[in-house]
């Protein structure tokens, strides 16, 4: 359609644009809330996370002399702006997941952001106990959800601290 990647062929459709692909997959696999209110919350959290992910995605393209400053900015924004919001949400509603007390697209997106920041700043969650618990539960849920899919390639390599959990949790790549 737009002569670009990623392109996913699913259910007889060719989808491009990351957000469209992710929203479709989330809806198909019941990760997009049970009603309009939950969907709105999921969208709100995903959009907030995408602001942080934008900084993370630009990091590899920083000039070598700016990498340290870029990383400091990412760590600062994560710990002072983004992670406190999600810590508060989890604490306020006393549940283990961001929306509807069940694993959702928003949890997947938050996991991705946390793992990306932790790759460079391993202690980034040290002041966020709710997010630490959420990460453990979500890694377990994500593992269970993905290994049931026939088109998942499991990598023997793992790049973060969660690898020791749940029988050497693998890194996944969808095909």
C-alpha atoms as a PDB file:
ATOM      1  CA  UNK A   1       0.000   0.000   0.000  1.00  0.00           C
ATOM      2  CA  UNK A   2       2.623   2.537   1.050  1.00  0.00           C
ATOM      3  CA  UNK A   3       5.631   0.577  -0.284  1.00  0.00           C
ATOM      4  CA  UNK A   4       7.081   0.147   3.169  1.00  0.00           C
ATOM      5  CA  UNK A   5       7.910  -2.265   5.947  1.00  0.00           C
ATOM      6  CA  UNK A   6       6.826  -3.722   8.216  1.00  0.00           C
ATOM      7  CA  UNK A   7       4.175  -5.536   6.261  1.00  0.00           C
ATOM      8  CA  UNK A   8       2.133  -8.316   7.831  1.00  0.00           C
ATOM      9  CA  UNK A   9      -0.090 -10.697   5.927  1.00  0.00           C
ATOM     10  CA  UNK A  10      -2.813 -11.904   8.248  1.00  0.00           C
ATOM     11  CA  UNK A  11      -6.348 -13.156   7.695  1.00  0.00           C
ATOM     12  CA  UNK A  12      -6.122 -12.479   3.968  1.00  0.00           C
ATOM     13  CA  UNK A  13      -5.025  -8.869   4.466  1.00  0.00           C
ATOM     14  CA  UNK A  14      -1.770  -7.065   3.937  1.00  0.00           C
ATOM     15  CA  UNK A  15      -1.281  -4.553   6.739  1.00  0.00           C
ATOM     16  CA  UNK A  16       1.373  -1.867   6.970  1.00  0.00           C
ATOM     17  CA  UNK A  17       1.914   0.802   9.626  1.00  0.00           C
ATOM     18  CA  UNK A  18       3.044  -0.494  12.999  1.00  0.00           C
ATOM     19  CA  UNK A  19       0.118   0.869  14.968  1.00  0.00           C
ATOM     20  CA  UNK A  20      -2.443  -0.683  12.596  1.00  0.00           C
ATOM     21  CA  UNK A  21      -0.662  -4.036  12.728  1.00  0.00           C
ATOM     22  CA  UNK A  22      -0.348  -4.013  16.504  1.00  0.00           C
ATOM     23  CA  UNK A  23      -3.962  -2.917  17.026  1.00  0.00           C
ATOM     24  CA  UNK A  24      -5.267  -5.646  14.731  1.00  0.00           C
ATOM     25  CA  UNK A  25      -3.210  -8.359  16.426  1.00  0.00           C
ATOM     26  CA  UNK A  26      -4.208  -7.061  19.866  1.00  0.00           C
ATOM     27  CA  UNK A  27      -7.892  -7.168  18.898  1.00  0.00           C
ATOM     28  CA  UNK A  28      -7.598 -10.599  17.324  1.00  0.00           C
ATOM     29  CA  UNK A  29      -5.965 -12.140  20.399  1.00  0.00           C
ATOM     30  CA  UNK A  30      -8.110 -10.398  23.044  1.00  0.00           C
ATOM     31  CA  UNK A  31      -5.410  -7.999  24.175  1.00  0.00           C
ATOM     32  CA  UNK A  32      -7.379  -4.841  23.376  1.00  0.00           C
ATOM     33  CA  UNK A  33      -9.870  -4.618  26.240  1.00  0.00           C
ATOM     34  CA  UNK A  34     -13.388  -5.897  26.686  1.00  0.00           C
ATOM     35  CA  UNK A  35     -15.185  -2.625  25.968  1.00  0.00           C
ATOM     36  CA  UNK A  36     -14.726   0.878  24.596  1.00  0.00           C
ATOM     37  CA  UNK A  37     -13.588   2.295  27.955  1.00  0.00           C
ATOM     38  CA  UNK A  38     -10.824  -0.299  28.299  1.00  0.00           C
ATOM     39  CA  UNK A  39      -9.758   0.298  24.701  1.00  0.00           C
ATOM     40  CA  UNK A  40      -9.506   4.028  25.368  1.00  0.00           C
ATOM     41  CA  UNK A  41      -7.318   3.400  28.428  1.00  0.00           C
ATOM     42  CA  UNK A  42      -5.131   0.976  26.479  1.00  0.00           C
ATOM     43  CA  UNK A  43      -4.763   3.509  23.653  1.00  0.00           C
ATOM     44  CA  UNK A  44      -3.908   6.261  26.141  1.00  0.00           C
ATOM     45  CA  UNK A  45      -1.196   4.164  27.812  1.00  0.00           C
ATOM     46  CA  UNK A  46       0.202   2.946  24.487  1.00  0.00           C
ATOM     47  CA  UNK A  47       0.431   6.527  23.195  1.00  0.00           C
ATOM     48  CA  UNK A  48       2.208   7.603  26.381  1.00  0.00           C
ATOM     49  CA  UNK A  49       4.644   4.724  26.065  1.00  0.00           C
ATOM     50  CA  UNK A  50       5.259   5.582  22.414  1.00  0.00           C
ATOM     51  CA  UNK A  51       6.621   8.975  23.492  1.00  0.00           C
ATOM     52  CA  UNK A  52       9.303   7.196  25.547  1.00  0.00           C
ATOM     53  CA  UNK A  53       9.893   4.627  22.804  1.00  0.00           C
ATOM     54  CA  UNK A  54      10.585   7.452  20.357  1.00  0.00           C
ATOM     55  CA  UNK A  55      13.537   8.545  22.514  1.00  0.00           C
ATOM     56  CA  UNK A  56      14.730   4.949  22.822  1.00  0.00           C
ATOM     57  CA  UNK A  57      14.513   4.308  19.091  1.00  0.00           C
ATOM     58  CA  UNK A  58      16.555   7.420  18.300  1.00  0.00           C
ATOM     59  CA  UNK A  59      19.343   6.459  20.727  1.00  0.00           C
ATOM     60  CA  UNK A  60      21.324   4.202  18.330  1.00  0.00           C
ATOM     61  CA  UNK A  61      21.451   7.043  15.817  1.00  0.00           C
ATOM     62  CA  UNK A  62      22.961   9.491  18.288  1.00  0.00           C
ATOM     63  CA  UNK A  63      26.473  10.601  17.385  1.00  0.00           C
ATOM     64  CA  UNK A  64      29.074   8.854  19.571  1.00  0.00           C
ATOM     65  CA  UNK A  65      29.838  12.043  21.485  1.00  0.00           C
ATOM     66  CA  UNK A  66      26.123  12.471  22.343  1.00  0.00           C
ATOM     67  CA  UNK A  67      25.334   8.878  23.384  1.00  0.00           C
ATOM     68  CA  UNK A  68      26.027   9.410  27.079  1.00  0.00           C
ATOM     69  CA  UNK A  69      23.796  12.492  27.189  1.00  0.00           C
ATOM     70  CA  UNK A  70      21.045  10.728  25.186  1.00  0.00           C
ATOM     71  CA  UNK A  71      21.121   7.773  27.553  1.00  0.00           C
ATOM     72  CA  UNK A  72      20.965  10.082  30.571  1.00  0.00           C
ATOM     73  CA  UNK A  73      17.932  11.819  29.047  1.00  0.00           C
ATOM     74  CA  UNK A  74      16.185   8.486  28.432  1.00  0.00           C
ATOM     75  CA  UNK A  75      16.888   7.303  31.989  1.00  0.00           C
ATOM     76  CA  UNK A  76      15.728  10.625  33.440  1.00  0.00           C
ATOM     77  CA  UNK A  77      12.500  10.719  31.407  1.00  0.00           C
ATOM     78  CA  UNK A  78      11.788   7.059  32.196  1.00  0.00           C
ATOM     79  CA  UNK A  79      12.291   7.430  35.949  1.00  0.00           C
ATOM     80  CA  UNK A  80      10.860  10.906  36.454  1.00  0.00           C
ATOM     81  CA  UNK A  81       8.061  11.151  33.920  1.00  0.00           C
ATOM     82  CA  UNK A  82       6.890   7.824  32.490  1.00  0.00           C
ATOM     83  CA  UNK A  83       7.500   5.025  34.997  1.00  0.00           C
ATOM     84  CA  UNK A  84       6.023   6.974  37.956  1.00  0.00           C
ATOM     85  CA  UNK A  85       2.733   7.271  36.043  1.00  0.00           C
ATOM     86  CA  UNK A  86       2.498   3.525  35.464  1.00  0.00           C
ATOM     87  CA  UNK A  87       3.633   2.770  39.024  1.00  0.00           C
ATOM     88  CA  UNK A  88       0.805   5.010  40.284  1.00  0.00           C
ATOM     89  CA  UNK A  89      -1.789   3.379  37.999  1.00  0.00           C
ATOM     90  CA  UNK A  90      -0.877  -0.101  39.226  1.00  0.00           C
ATOM     91  CA  UNK A  91      -0.825   1.009  42.862  1.00  0.00           C
ATOM     92  CA  UNK A  92      -4.143   2.907  42.665  1.00  0.00           C
ATOM     93  CA  UNK A  93      -6.209   0.100  41.253  1.00  0.00           C
ATOM     94  CA  UNK A  94      -4.341  -2.658  43.105  1.00  0.00           C
ATOM     95  CA  UNK A  95      -4.143  -4.919  40.079  1.00  0.00           C
ATOM     96  CA  UNK A  96      -1.255  -6.591  38.325  1.00  0.00           C
ATOM     97  CA  UNK A  97      -2.009  -5.266  34.847  1.00  0.00           C
ATOM     98  CA  UNK A  98      -2.618  -1.785  33.493  1.00  0.00           C
ATOM     99  CA  UNK A  99      -6.207  -2.286  32.286  1.00  0.00           C
ATOM    100  CA  UNK A 100      -9.029  -4.595  33.332  1.00  0.00           C
ATOM    101  CA  UNK A 101      -6.821  -6.790  35.534  1.00  0.00           C
ATOM    102  CA  UNK A 102      -5.782  -8.824  32.517  1.00  0.00           C
ATOM    103  CA  UNK A 103      -2.845  -8.920  30.156  1.00  0.00           C
ATOM    104  CA  UNK A 104      -3.282  -6.344  27.379  1.00  0.00           C
ATOM    105  CA  UNK A 105      -1.587  -4.589  24.495  1.00  0.00           C
ATOM    106  CA  UNK A 106      -0.648  -1.784  26.918  1.00  0.00           C
ATOM    107  CA  UNK A 107       1.240  -4.257  29.119  1.00  0.00           C
ATOM    108  CA  UNK A 108       3.153  -5.562  26.098  1.00  0.00           C
ATOM    109  CA  UNK A 109       4.124  -2.040  25.062  1.00  0.00           C
ATOM    110  CA  UNK A 110       5.197  -1.097  28.593  1.00  0.00           C
ATOM    111  CA  UNK A 111       7.259  -4.295  28.849  1.00  0.00           C
ATOM    112  CA  UNK A 112       9.008  -3.393  25.608  1.00  0.00           C
ATOM    113  CA  UNK A 113       9.892   0.083  26.882  1.00  0.00           C
ATOM    114  CA  UNK A 114      11.108  -1.199  30.248  1.00  0.00           C
ATOM    115  CA  UNK A 115      13.236  -3.917  28.655  1.00  0.00           C
ATOM    116  CA  UNK A 116      14.744  -1.410  26.227  1.00  0.00           C
ATOM    117  CA  UNK A 117      15.714   0.981  29.025  1.00  0.00           C
ATOM    118  CA  UNK A 118      16.943  -1.861  31.264  1.00  0.00           C
ATOM    119  CA  UNK A 119      19.257  -3.011  28.500  1.00  0.00           C
ATOM    120  CA  UNK A 120      21.347   0.138  29.067  1.00  0.00           C
ATOM    121  CA  UNK A 121      20.335   1.007  32.652  1.00  0.00           C
ATOM    122  CA  UNK A 122      19.785  -2.320  34.496  1.00  0.00           C
ATOM    123  CA  UNK A 123      18.714  -0.684  37.780  1.00  0.00           C
ATOM    124  CA  UNK A 124      16.064   1.564  36.211  1.00  0.00           C
ATOM    125  CA  UNK A 125      13.179  -0.163  38.046  1.00  0.00           C
ATOM    126  CA  UNK A 126      14.845  -0.098  41.467  1.00  0.00           C
ATOM    127  CA  UNK A 127      12.447   2.572  42.736  1.00  0.00           C
ATOM    128  CA  UNK A 128       9.331   1.049  41.186  1.00  0.00           C
ATOM    129  CA  UNK A 129       8.176  -2.055  43.098  1.00  0.00           C
ATOM    130  CA  UNK A 130       4.800  -2.281  41.337  1.00  0.00           C
ATOM    131  CA  UNK A 131       6.478  -2.231  37.930  1.00  0.00           C
ATOM    132  CA  UNK A 132       8.927  -4.907  39.070  1.00  0.00           C
ATOM    133  CA  UNK A 133       6.041  -7.214  40.006  1.00  0.00           C
ATOM    134  CA  UNK A 134       4.191  -6.336  36.814  1.00  0.00           C
ATOM    135  CA  UNK A 135       7.263  -7.221  34.753  1.00  0.00           C
ATOM    136  CA  UNK A 136       7.555 -10.645  36.363  1.00  0.00           C
ATOM    137  CA  UNK A 137       3.876 -11.413  35.847  1.00  0.00           C
ATOM    138  CA  UNK A 138       3.811 -10.024  32.328  1.00  0.00           C
ATOM    139  CA  UNK A 139       6.910 -11.906  31.249  1.00  0.00           C
ATOM    140  CA  UNK A 140       5.161 -15.076  32.402  1.00  0.00           C
ATOM    141  CA  UNK A 141       1.907 -14.105  30.639  1.00  0.00           C
ATOM    142  CA  UNK A 142       3.758 -13.090  27.493  1.00  0.00           C
ATOM    143  CA  UNK A 143       5.655 -16.363  27.428  1.00  0.00           C
ATOM    144  CA  UNK A 144       2.463 -18.393  27.836  1.00  0.00           C
ATOM    145  CA  UNK A 145       0.616 -16.318  25.251  1.00  0.00           C
ATOM    146  CA  UNK A 146       3.327 -16.489  22.607  1.00  0.00           C
ATOM    147  CA  UNK A 147       4.406 -20.112  22.880  1.00  0.00           C
ATOM    148  CA  UNK A 148       0.839 -21.119  22.031  1.00  0.00           C
ATOM    149  CA  UNK A 149       1.110 -19.374  18.662  1.00  0.00           C
ATOM    150  CA  UNK A 150       2.253 -21.612  15.803  1.00  0.00           C
ATOM    151  CA  UNK A 151       4.169 -18.883  13.976  1.00  0.00           C
ATOM    152  CA  UNK A 152       6.593 -17.881  16.710  1.00  0.00           C
ATOM    153  CA  UNK A 153      10.307 -18.450  16.354  1.00  0.00           C
ATOM    154  CA  UNK A 154      12.006 -18.885  19.696  1.00  0.00           C
ATOM    155  CA  UNK A 155      15.562 -17.622  19.982  1.00  0.00           C
ATOM    156  CA  UNK A 156      17.996 -19.445  22.282  1.00  0.00           C
ATOM    157  CA  UNK A 157      19.506 -16.088  23.230  1.00  0.00           C
ATOM    158  CA  UNK A 158      18.259 -13.873  25.989  1.00  0.00           C
ATOM    159  CA  UNK A 159      19.491 -10.382  26.706  1.00  0.00           C
ATOM    160  CA  UNK A 160      18.060  -9.355  30.060  1.00  0.00           C
ATOM    161  CA  UNK A 161      17.632 -10.301  33.707  1.00  0.00           C
ATOM    162  CA  UNK A 162      14.302 -12.038  33.125  1.00  0.00           C
ATOM    163  CA  UNK A 163      15.978 -14.851  31.196  1.00  0.00           C
ATOM    164  CA  UNK A 164      16.610 -16.862  34.340  1.00  0.00           C
ATOM    165  CA  UNK A 165      12.900 -16.954  35.060  1.00  0.00           C
ATOM    166  CA  UNK A 166      10.422 -19.504  33.842  1.00  0.00           C
ATOM    167  CA  UNK A 167      12.908 -22.036  32.468  1.00  0.00           C
ATOM    168  CA  UNK A 168      15.177 -19.606  30.666  1.00  0.00           C
ATOM    169  CA  UNK A 169      12.560 -17.387  29.094  1.00  0.00           C
ATOM    170  CA  UNK A 170      13.524 -17.018  25.436  1.00  0.00           C
ATOM    171  CA  UNK A 171      13.436 -13.977  23.233  1.00  0.00           C
ATOM    172  CA  UNK A 172      10.620 -14.210  20.683  1.00  0.00           C
ATOM    173  CA  UNK A 173      10.406 -13.158  17.090  1.00  0.00           C
ATOM    174  CA  UNK A 174       7.105 -13.337  15.237  1.00  0.00           C
ATOM    175  CA  UNK A 175       6.946 -14.484  11.643  1.00  0.00           C
END
